[in-house]
Amino acid sequence: MNFKQIKELIRLMDDTGVTECEIEEEDFRIKLSKKNTEVEQSGQQPAPMPVPMPQMPQQPQQQASAPPQQESSQEGGQPSEEDDENLVTISSPMIGTFYRSPSPDRDPYVKVGDKVKKGDILCVIEAMKLFNEIESEYEGKIVKVMVDDASPVEYDQPLFLLDPS
């Protein structure tokens, strides 16, 4: 993060009334806070307003064991155990709502069996009314979609299993 971006963040805090913001990256951490100069009538402190964070690059992890079973109906079959070691898990880089397609009346970005290239859009995650496109970090074939459409997802929750071979 450079000085210009920090100044822009401060300006955004002033414009939106946000009183505290913290950003942490690999080798950088900044925490900005300011005193609220408005007088509160009720004596209660206002709830802090969330600030949209820039999307961090996703860090898919090599899958070492079988993925957790989920009770919801998932697309695709369960990969065999010997294949699990080669599969890559693509996880959610944020908390939000998972969508497989750009709109309800359109086809999903990817289906089980589709071949994807690095940079292909796999899904979108809605967070704070912003739709964030999740791109593949690897080339390969989609083996399993691990989340139902329009379902809430947590940070680092597995979304897809990908066979990079």
C-alpha atoms as a PDB file:
ATOM      1  CA  MET A   1       0.000   0.000   0.000  1.00  0.00           C
ATOM      2  CA  ASN A   2       1.485   3.336  -0.994  1.00  0.00           C
ATOM      3  CA  PHE A   3       1.076   6.822   0.450  1.00  0.00           C
ATOM      4  CA  LYS A   4      -1.535   7.803  -2.156  1.00  0.00           C
ATOM      5  CA  GLN A   5      -3.699   4.798  -1.233  1.00  0.00           C
ATOM      6  CA  ILE A   6      -3.416   5.655   2.475  1.00  0.00           C
ATOM      7  CA  LYS A   7      -4.513   9.249   1.777  1.00  0.00           C
ATOM      8  CA  GLU A   8      -7.471   7.922  -0.239  1.00  0.00           C
ATOM      9  CA  LEU A   9      -8.410   5.605   2.629  1.00  0.00           C
ATOM     10  CA  ILE A  10      -8.349   8.545   5.068  1.00  0.00           C
ATOM     11  CA  ARG A  11     -10.536  10.566   2.680  1.00  0.00           C
ATOM     12  CA  LEU A  12     -12.999   7.666   2.456  1.00  0.00           C
ATOM     13  CA  MET A  13     -13.116   7.445   6.243  1.00  0.00           C
ATOM     14  CA  ASP A  14     -13.942  11.168   6.430  1.00  0.00           C
ATOM     15  CA  ASP A  15     -16.619  10.917   3.726  1.00  0.00           C
ATOM     16  CA  THR A  16     -18.347   7.842   5.164  1.00  0.00           C
ATOM     17  CA  GLY A  17     -18.061   8.563   8.879  1.00  0.00           C
ATOM     18  CA  VAL A  18     -16.038   5.413   9.558  1.00  0.00           C
ATOM     19  CA  THR A  19     -14.004   5.908  12.732  1.00  0.00           C
ATOM     20  CA  GLU A  20     -11.674   2.898  12.560  1.00  0.00           C
ATOM     21  CA  CYS A  21     -10.091   0.796   9.829  1.00  0.00           C
ATOM     22  CA  GLU A  22      -7.425  -1.907   9.936  1.00  0.00           C
ATOM     23  CA  ILE A  23      -5.713  -3.511   6.935  1.00  0.00           C
ATOM     24  CA  GLU A  24      -3.221  -6.345   7.133  1.00  0.00           C
ATOM     25  CA  GLU A  25      -1.304  -7.839   4.236  1.00  0.00           C
ATOM     26  CA  GLU A  26       1.696 -10.189   4.130  1.00  0.00           C
ATOM     27  CA  ASP A  27       4.358  -7.624   5.007  1.00  0.00           C
ATOM     28  CA  PHE A  28       2.250  -4.598   5.848  1.00  0.00           C
ATOM     29  CA  ARG A  29      -0.240  -3.599   8.537  1.00  0.00           C
ATOM     30  CA  ILE A  30      -1.997  -0.280   9.100  1.00  0.00           C
ATOM     31  CA  LYS A  31      -4.632   0.748  11.598  1.00  0.00           C
ATOM     32  CA  LEU A  32      -6.390   4.089  11.237  1.00  0.00           C
ATOM     33  CA  SER A  33      -8.740   5.505  13.836  1.00  0.00           C
ATOM     34  CA  LYS A  34     -10.176   8.902  14.611  1.00  0.00           C
ATOM     35  CA  LYS A  35     -12.192  10.384  17.402  1.00  0.00           C
ATOM     36  CA  ASN A  36     -15.858  10.952  16.759  1.00  0.00           C
ATOM     37  CA  THR A  37     -16.518  14.672  17.244  1.00  0.00           C
ATOM     38  CA  GLU A  38     -20.312  14.375  17.082  1.00  0.00           C
ATOM     39  CA  VAL A  39     -22.220  14.578  20.374  1.00  0.00           C
ATOM     40  CA  GLU A  40     -24.328  11.524  21.105  1.00  0.00           C
ATOM     41  CA  GLN A  41     -27.730  12.228  22.639  1.00  0.00           C
ATOM     42  CA  SER A  42     -28.331   8.762  24.066  1.00  0.00           C
ATOM     43  CA  GLY A  43     -24.925   8.313  25.649  1.00  0.00           C
ATOM     44  CA  GLN A  44     -24.341   5.117  23.665  1.00  0.00           C
ATOM     45  CA  GLN A  45     -21.440   4.789  21.303  1.00  0.00           C
ATOM     46  CA  PRO A  46     -22.334   4.228  17.655  1.00  0.00           C
ATOM     47  CA  ALA A  47     -21.654   0.809  16.189  1.00  0.00           C
ATOM     48  CA  PRO A  48     -18.544   0.768  13.990  1.00  0.00           C
ATOM     49  CA  MET A  49     -19.287   0.752  10.265  1.00  0.00           C
ATOM     50  CA  PRO A  50     -17.659  -1.998   8.192  1.00  0.00           C
ATOM     51  CA  VAL A  51     -15.223  -0.887   5.511  1.00  0.00           C
ATOM     52  CA  PRO A  52     -14.946  -2.891   2.280  1.00  0.00           C
ATOM     53  CA  MET A  53     -11.527  -4.514   2.176  1.00  0.00           C
ATOM     54  CA  PRO A  54      -9.614  -5.012  -1.061  1.00  0.00           C
ATOM     55  CA  GLN A  55      -9.809  -8.574  -2.322  1.00  0.00           C
ATOM     56  CA  MET A  56      -6.736 -10.522  -1.306  1.00  0.00           C
ATOM     57  CA  PRO A  57      -5.322 -12.979  -3.842  1.00  0.00           C
ATOM     58  CA  GLN A  58      -6.636 -16.435  -3.130  1.00  0.00           C
ATOM     59  CA  GLN A  59      -4.192 -19.050  -1.929  1.00  0.00           C
ATOM     60  CA  PRO A  60      -5.495 -22.468  -3.031  1.00  0.00           C
ATOM     61  CA  GLN A  61      -4.150 -25.292  -0.920  1.00  0.00           C
ATOM     62  CA  GLN A  62      -3.060 -28.751  -1.995  1.00  0.00           C
ATOM     63  CA  GLN A  63      -5.602 -31.244  -0.702  1.00  0.00           C
ATOM     64  CA  ALA A  64      -3.888 -33.859   1.486  1.00  0.00           C
ATOM     65  CA  SER A  65      -6.964 -35.795   2.620  1.00  0.00           C
ATOM     66  CA  ALA A  66     -10.532 -36.338   1.533  1.00  0.00           C
ATOM     67  CA  PRO A  67     -12.676 -33.181   1.552  1.00  0.00           C
ATOM     68  CA  PRO A  68     -15.246 -32.876   4.340  1.00  0.00           C
ATOM     69  CA  GLN A  69     -18.636 -34.363   3.541  1.00  0.00           C
ATOM     70  CA  GLN A  70     -21.445 -31.834   3.363  1.00  0.00           C
ATOM     71  CA  GLU A  71     -25.105 -32.689   3.848  1.00  0.00           C
ATOM     72  CA  SER A  72     -26.309 -30.399   1.059  1.00  0.00           C
ATOM     73  CA  SER A  73     -26.607 -31.840  -2.420  1.00  0.00           C
ATOM     74  CA  GLN A  74     -23.399 -31.233  -4.302  1.00  0.00           C
ATOM     75  CA  GLU A  75     -22.713 -31.524  -8.004  1.00  0.00           C
ATOM     76  CA  GLY A  76     -20.269 -34.205  -9.092  1.00  0.00           C
ATOM     77  CA  GLY A  77     -19.134 -37.501  -7.679  1.00  0.00           C
ATOM     78  CA  GLN A  78     -16.762 -38.120  -4.817  1.00  0.00           C
ATOM     79  CA  PRO A  79     -13.188 -38.435  -6.154  1.00  0.00           C
ATOM     80  CA  SER A  80     -11.318 -41.621  -5.247  1.00  0.00           C
ATOM     81  CA  GLU A  81      -8.782 -41.487  -2.424  1.00  0.00           C
ATOM     82  CA  GLU A  82      -5.712 -41.923  -4.625  1.00  0.00           C
ATOM     83  CA  ASP A  83      -6.807 -38.922  -6.719  1.00  0.00           C
ATOM     84  CA  ASP A  84      -7.252 -36.707  -3.635  1.00  0.00           C
ATOM     85  CA  GLU A  85      -3.526 -36.109  -3.267  1.00  0.00           C
ATOM     86  CA  ASN A  86      -3.348 -34.442  -6.681  1.00  0.00           C
ATOM     87  CA  LEU A  87      -6.451 -32.277  -6.305  1.00  0.00           C
ATOM     88  CA  VAL A  88      -6.295 -28.576  -5.546  1.00  0.00           C
ATOM     89  CA  THR A  89      -8.876 -26.971  -3.273  1.00  0.00           C
ATOM     90  CA  ILE A  90     -10.013 -23.523  -4.333  1.00  0.00           C
ATOM     91  CA  SER A  91     -11.221 -21.732  -1.209  1.00  0.00           C
ATOM     92  CA  SER A  92     -13.238 -18.603  -0.589  1.00  0.00           C
ATOM     93  CA  PRO A  93     -11.063 -15.513  -0.081  1.00  0.00           C
ATOM     94  CA  MET A  94     -13.859 -13.775   1.866  1.00  0.00           C
ATOM     95  CA  ILE A  95     -17.125 -14.117   3.741  1.00  0.00           C
ATOM     96  CA  GLY A  96     -20.201 -13.621   1.585  1.00  0.00           C
ATOM     97  CA  THR A  97     -22.817 -15.311  -0.584  1.00  0.00           C
ATOM     98  CA  PHE A  98     -21.631 -17.768  -3.258  1.00  0.00           C
ATOM     99  CA  TYR A  99     -23.151 -17.548  -6.741  1.00  0.00           C
ATOM    100  CA  ARG A 100     -22.284 -19.973  -9.553  1.00  0.00           C
ATOM    101  CA  SER A 101     -23.581 -17.701 -12.334  1.00  0.00           C
ATOM    102  CA  PRO A 102     -23.603 -13.964 -13.105  1.00  0.00           C
ATOM    103  CA  SER A 103     -27.422 -13.892 -12.778  1.00  0.00           C
ATOM    104  CA  PRO A 104     -30.190 -16.400 -11.962  1.00  0.00           C
ATOM    105  CA  ASP A 105     -31.229 -16.777 -15.625  1.00  0.00           C
ATOM    106  CA  ARG A 106     -27.672 -17.429 -16.920  1.00  0.00           C
ATOM    107  CA  ASP A 107     -25.590 -20.615 -17.041  1.00  0.00           C
ATOM    108  CA  PRO A 108     -23.018 -21.244 -14.280  1.00  0.00           C
ATOM    109  CA  TYR A 109     -19.479 -20.017 -14.860  1.00  0.00           C
ATOM    110  CA  VAL A 110     -18.189 -23.598 -14.490  1.00  0.00           C
ATOM    111  CA  LYS A 111     -19.654 -27.087 -14.120  1.00  0.00           C
ATOM    112  CA  VAL A 112     -18.124 -30.392 -13.038  1.00  0.00           C
ATOM    113  CA  GLY A 113     -15.949 -31.653 -15.873  1.00  0.00           C
ATOM    114  CA  ASP A 114     -15.213 -28.193 -17.314  1.00  0.00           C
ATOM    115  CA  LYS A 115     -11.602 -27.410 -18.126  1.00  0.00           C
ATOM    116  CA  VAL A 116     -10.444 -24.045 -16.763  1.00  0.00           C
ATOM    117  CA  LYS A 117      -7.389 -21.910 -17.390  1.00  0.00           C
ATOM    118  CA  LYS A 118      -5.599 -19.651 -14.957  1.00  0.00           C
ATOM    119  CA  GLY A 119      -7.636 -16.439 -14.710  1.00  0.00           C
ATOM    120  CA  ASP A 120     -10.995 -17.980 -15.704  1.00  0.00           C
ATOM    121  CA  ILE A 121     -13.911 -16.832 -13.539  1.00  0.00           C
ATOM    122  CA  LEU A 122     -15.213 -19.690 -11.386  1.00  0.00           C
ATOM    123  CA  CYS A 123     -17.949 -17.918  -9.409  1.00  0.00           C
ATOM    124  CA  VAL A 124     -18.849 -14.642  -7.715  1.00  0.00           C
ATOM    125  CA  ILE A 125     -19.096 -13.922  -4.016  1.00  0.00           C
ATOM    126  CA  GLU A 126     -21.344 -11.100  -2.894  1.00  0.00           C
ATOM    127  CA  ALA A 127     -19.977  -9.244   0.105  1.00  0.00           C
ATOM    128  CA  MET A 128     -21.518  -5.986   1.323  1.00  0.00           C
ATOM    129  CA  LYS A 129     -23.480  -5.495  -1.944  1.00  0.00           C
ATOM    130  CA  LEU A 130     -20.277  -5.916  -4.001  1.00  0.00           C
ATOM    131  CA  PHE A 131     -19.916  -8.849  -6.388  1.00  0.00           C
ATOM    132  CA  ASN A 132     -16.355 -10.193  -6.367  1.00  0.00           C
ATOM    133  CA  GLU A 133     -15.301 -12.453  -9.234  1.00  0.00           C
ATOM    134  CA  ILE A 134     -13.276 -15.444  -8.056  1.00  0.00           C
ATOM    135  CA  GLU A 135     -10.695 -16.491 -10.639  1.00  0.00           C
ATOM    136  CA  SER A 136      -8.832 -19.763 -10.988  1.00  0.00           C
ATOM    137  CA  GLU A 137      -5.185 -19.732  -9.947  1.00  0.00           C
ATOM    138  CA  TYR A 138      -4.571 -23.011 -11.790  1.00  0.00           C
ATOM    139  CA  GLU A 139      -5.280 -24.773 -15.061  1.00  0.00           C
ATOM    140  CA  GLY A 140      -7.181 -28.013 -14.778  1.00  0.00           C
ATOM    141  CA  LYS A 141     -10.562 -29.710 -14.662  1.00  0.00           C
ATOM    142  CA  ILE A 142     -13.341 -29.006 -12.142  1.00  0.00           C
ATOM    143  CA  VAL A 143     -13.872 -32.241 -10.191  1.00  0.00           C
ATOM    144  CA  LYS A 144     -16.405 -31.051  -7.626  1.00  0.00           C
ATOM    145  CA  VAL A 145     -18.454 -27.975  -6.731  1.00  0.00           C
ATOM    146  CA  MET A 146     -18.542 -27.996  -2.934  1.00  0.00           C
ATOM    147  CA  VAL A 147     -21.101 -25.225  -2.272  1.00  0.00           C
ATOM    148  CA  ASP A 148     -24.732 -24.820  -3.339  1.00  0.00           C
ATOM    149  CA  ASP A 149     -25.692 -21.749  -5.347  1.00  0.00           C
ATOM    150  CA  ALA A 150     -26.787 -18.712  -3.291  1.00  0.00           C
ATOM    151  CA  SER A 151     -25.336 -20.215  -0.092  1.00  0.00           C
ATOM    152  CA  PRO A 152     -23.386 -18.250   2.514  1.00  0.00           C
ATOM    153  CA  VAL A 153     -19.657 -19.013   2.607  1.00  0.00           C
ATOM    154  CA  GLU A 154     -16.975 -18.373   5.204  1.00  0.00           C
ATOM    155  CA  TYR A 155     -13.414 -17.200   4.703  1.00  0.00           C
ATOM    156  CA  ASP A 156     -11.201 -20.081   3.496  1.00  0.00           C
ATOM    157  CA  GLN A 157     -14.209 -22.410   2.978  1.00  0.00           C
ATOM    158  CA  PRO A 158     -13.563 -24.884   0.126  1.00  0.00           C
ATOM    159  CA  LEU A 159     -15.539 -23.958  -3.007  1.00  0.00           C
ATOM    160  CA  PHE A 160     -14.166 -26.229  -5.750  1.00  0.00           C
ATOM    161  CA  LEU A 161     -11.905 -29.239  -6.186  1.00  0.00           C
ATOM    162  CA  LEU A 162      -9.705 -28.948  -9.267  1.00  0.00           C
ATOM    163  CA  ASP A 163      -7.568 -31.606 -10.930  1.00  0.00           C
ATOM    164  CA  PRO A 164      -4.508 -29.763 -12.284  1.00  0.00           C
ATOM    165  CA  SER A 165      -3.288 -32.747 -14.365  1.00  0.00           C
END
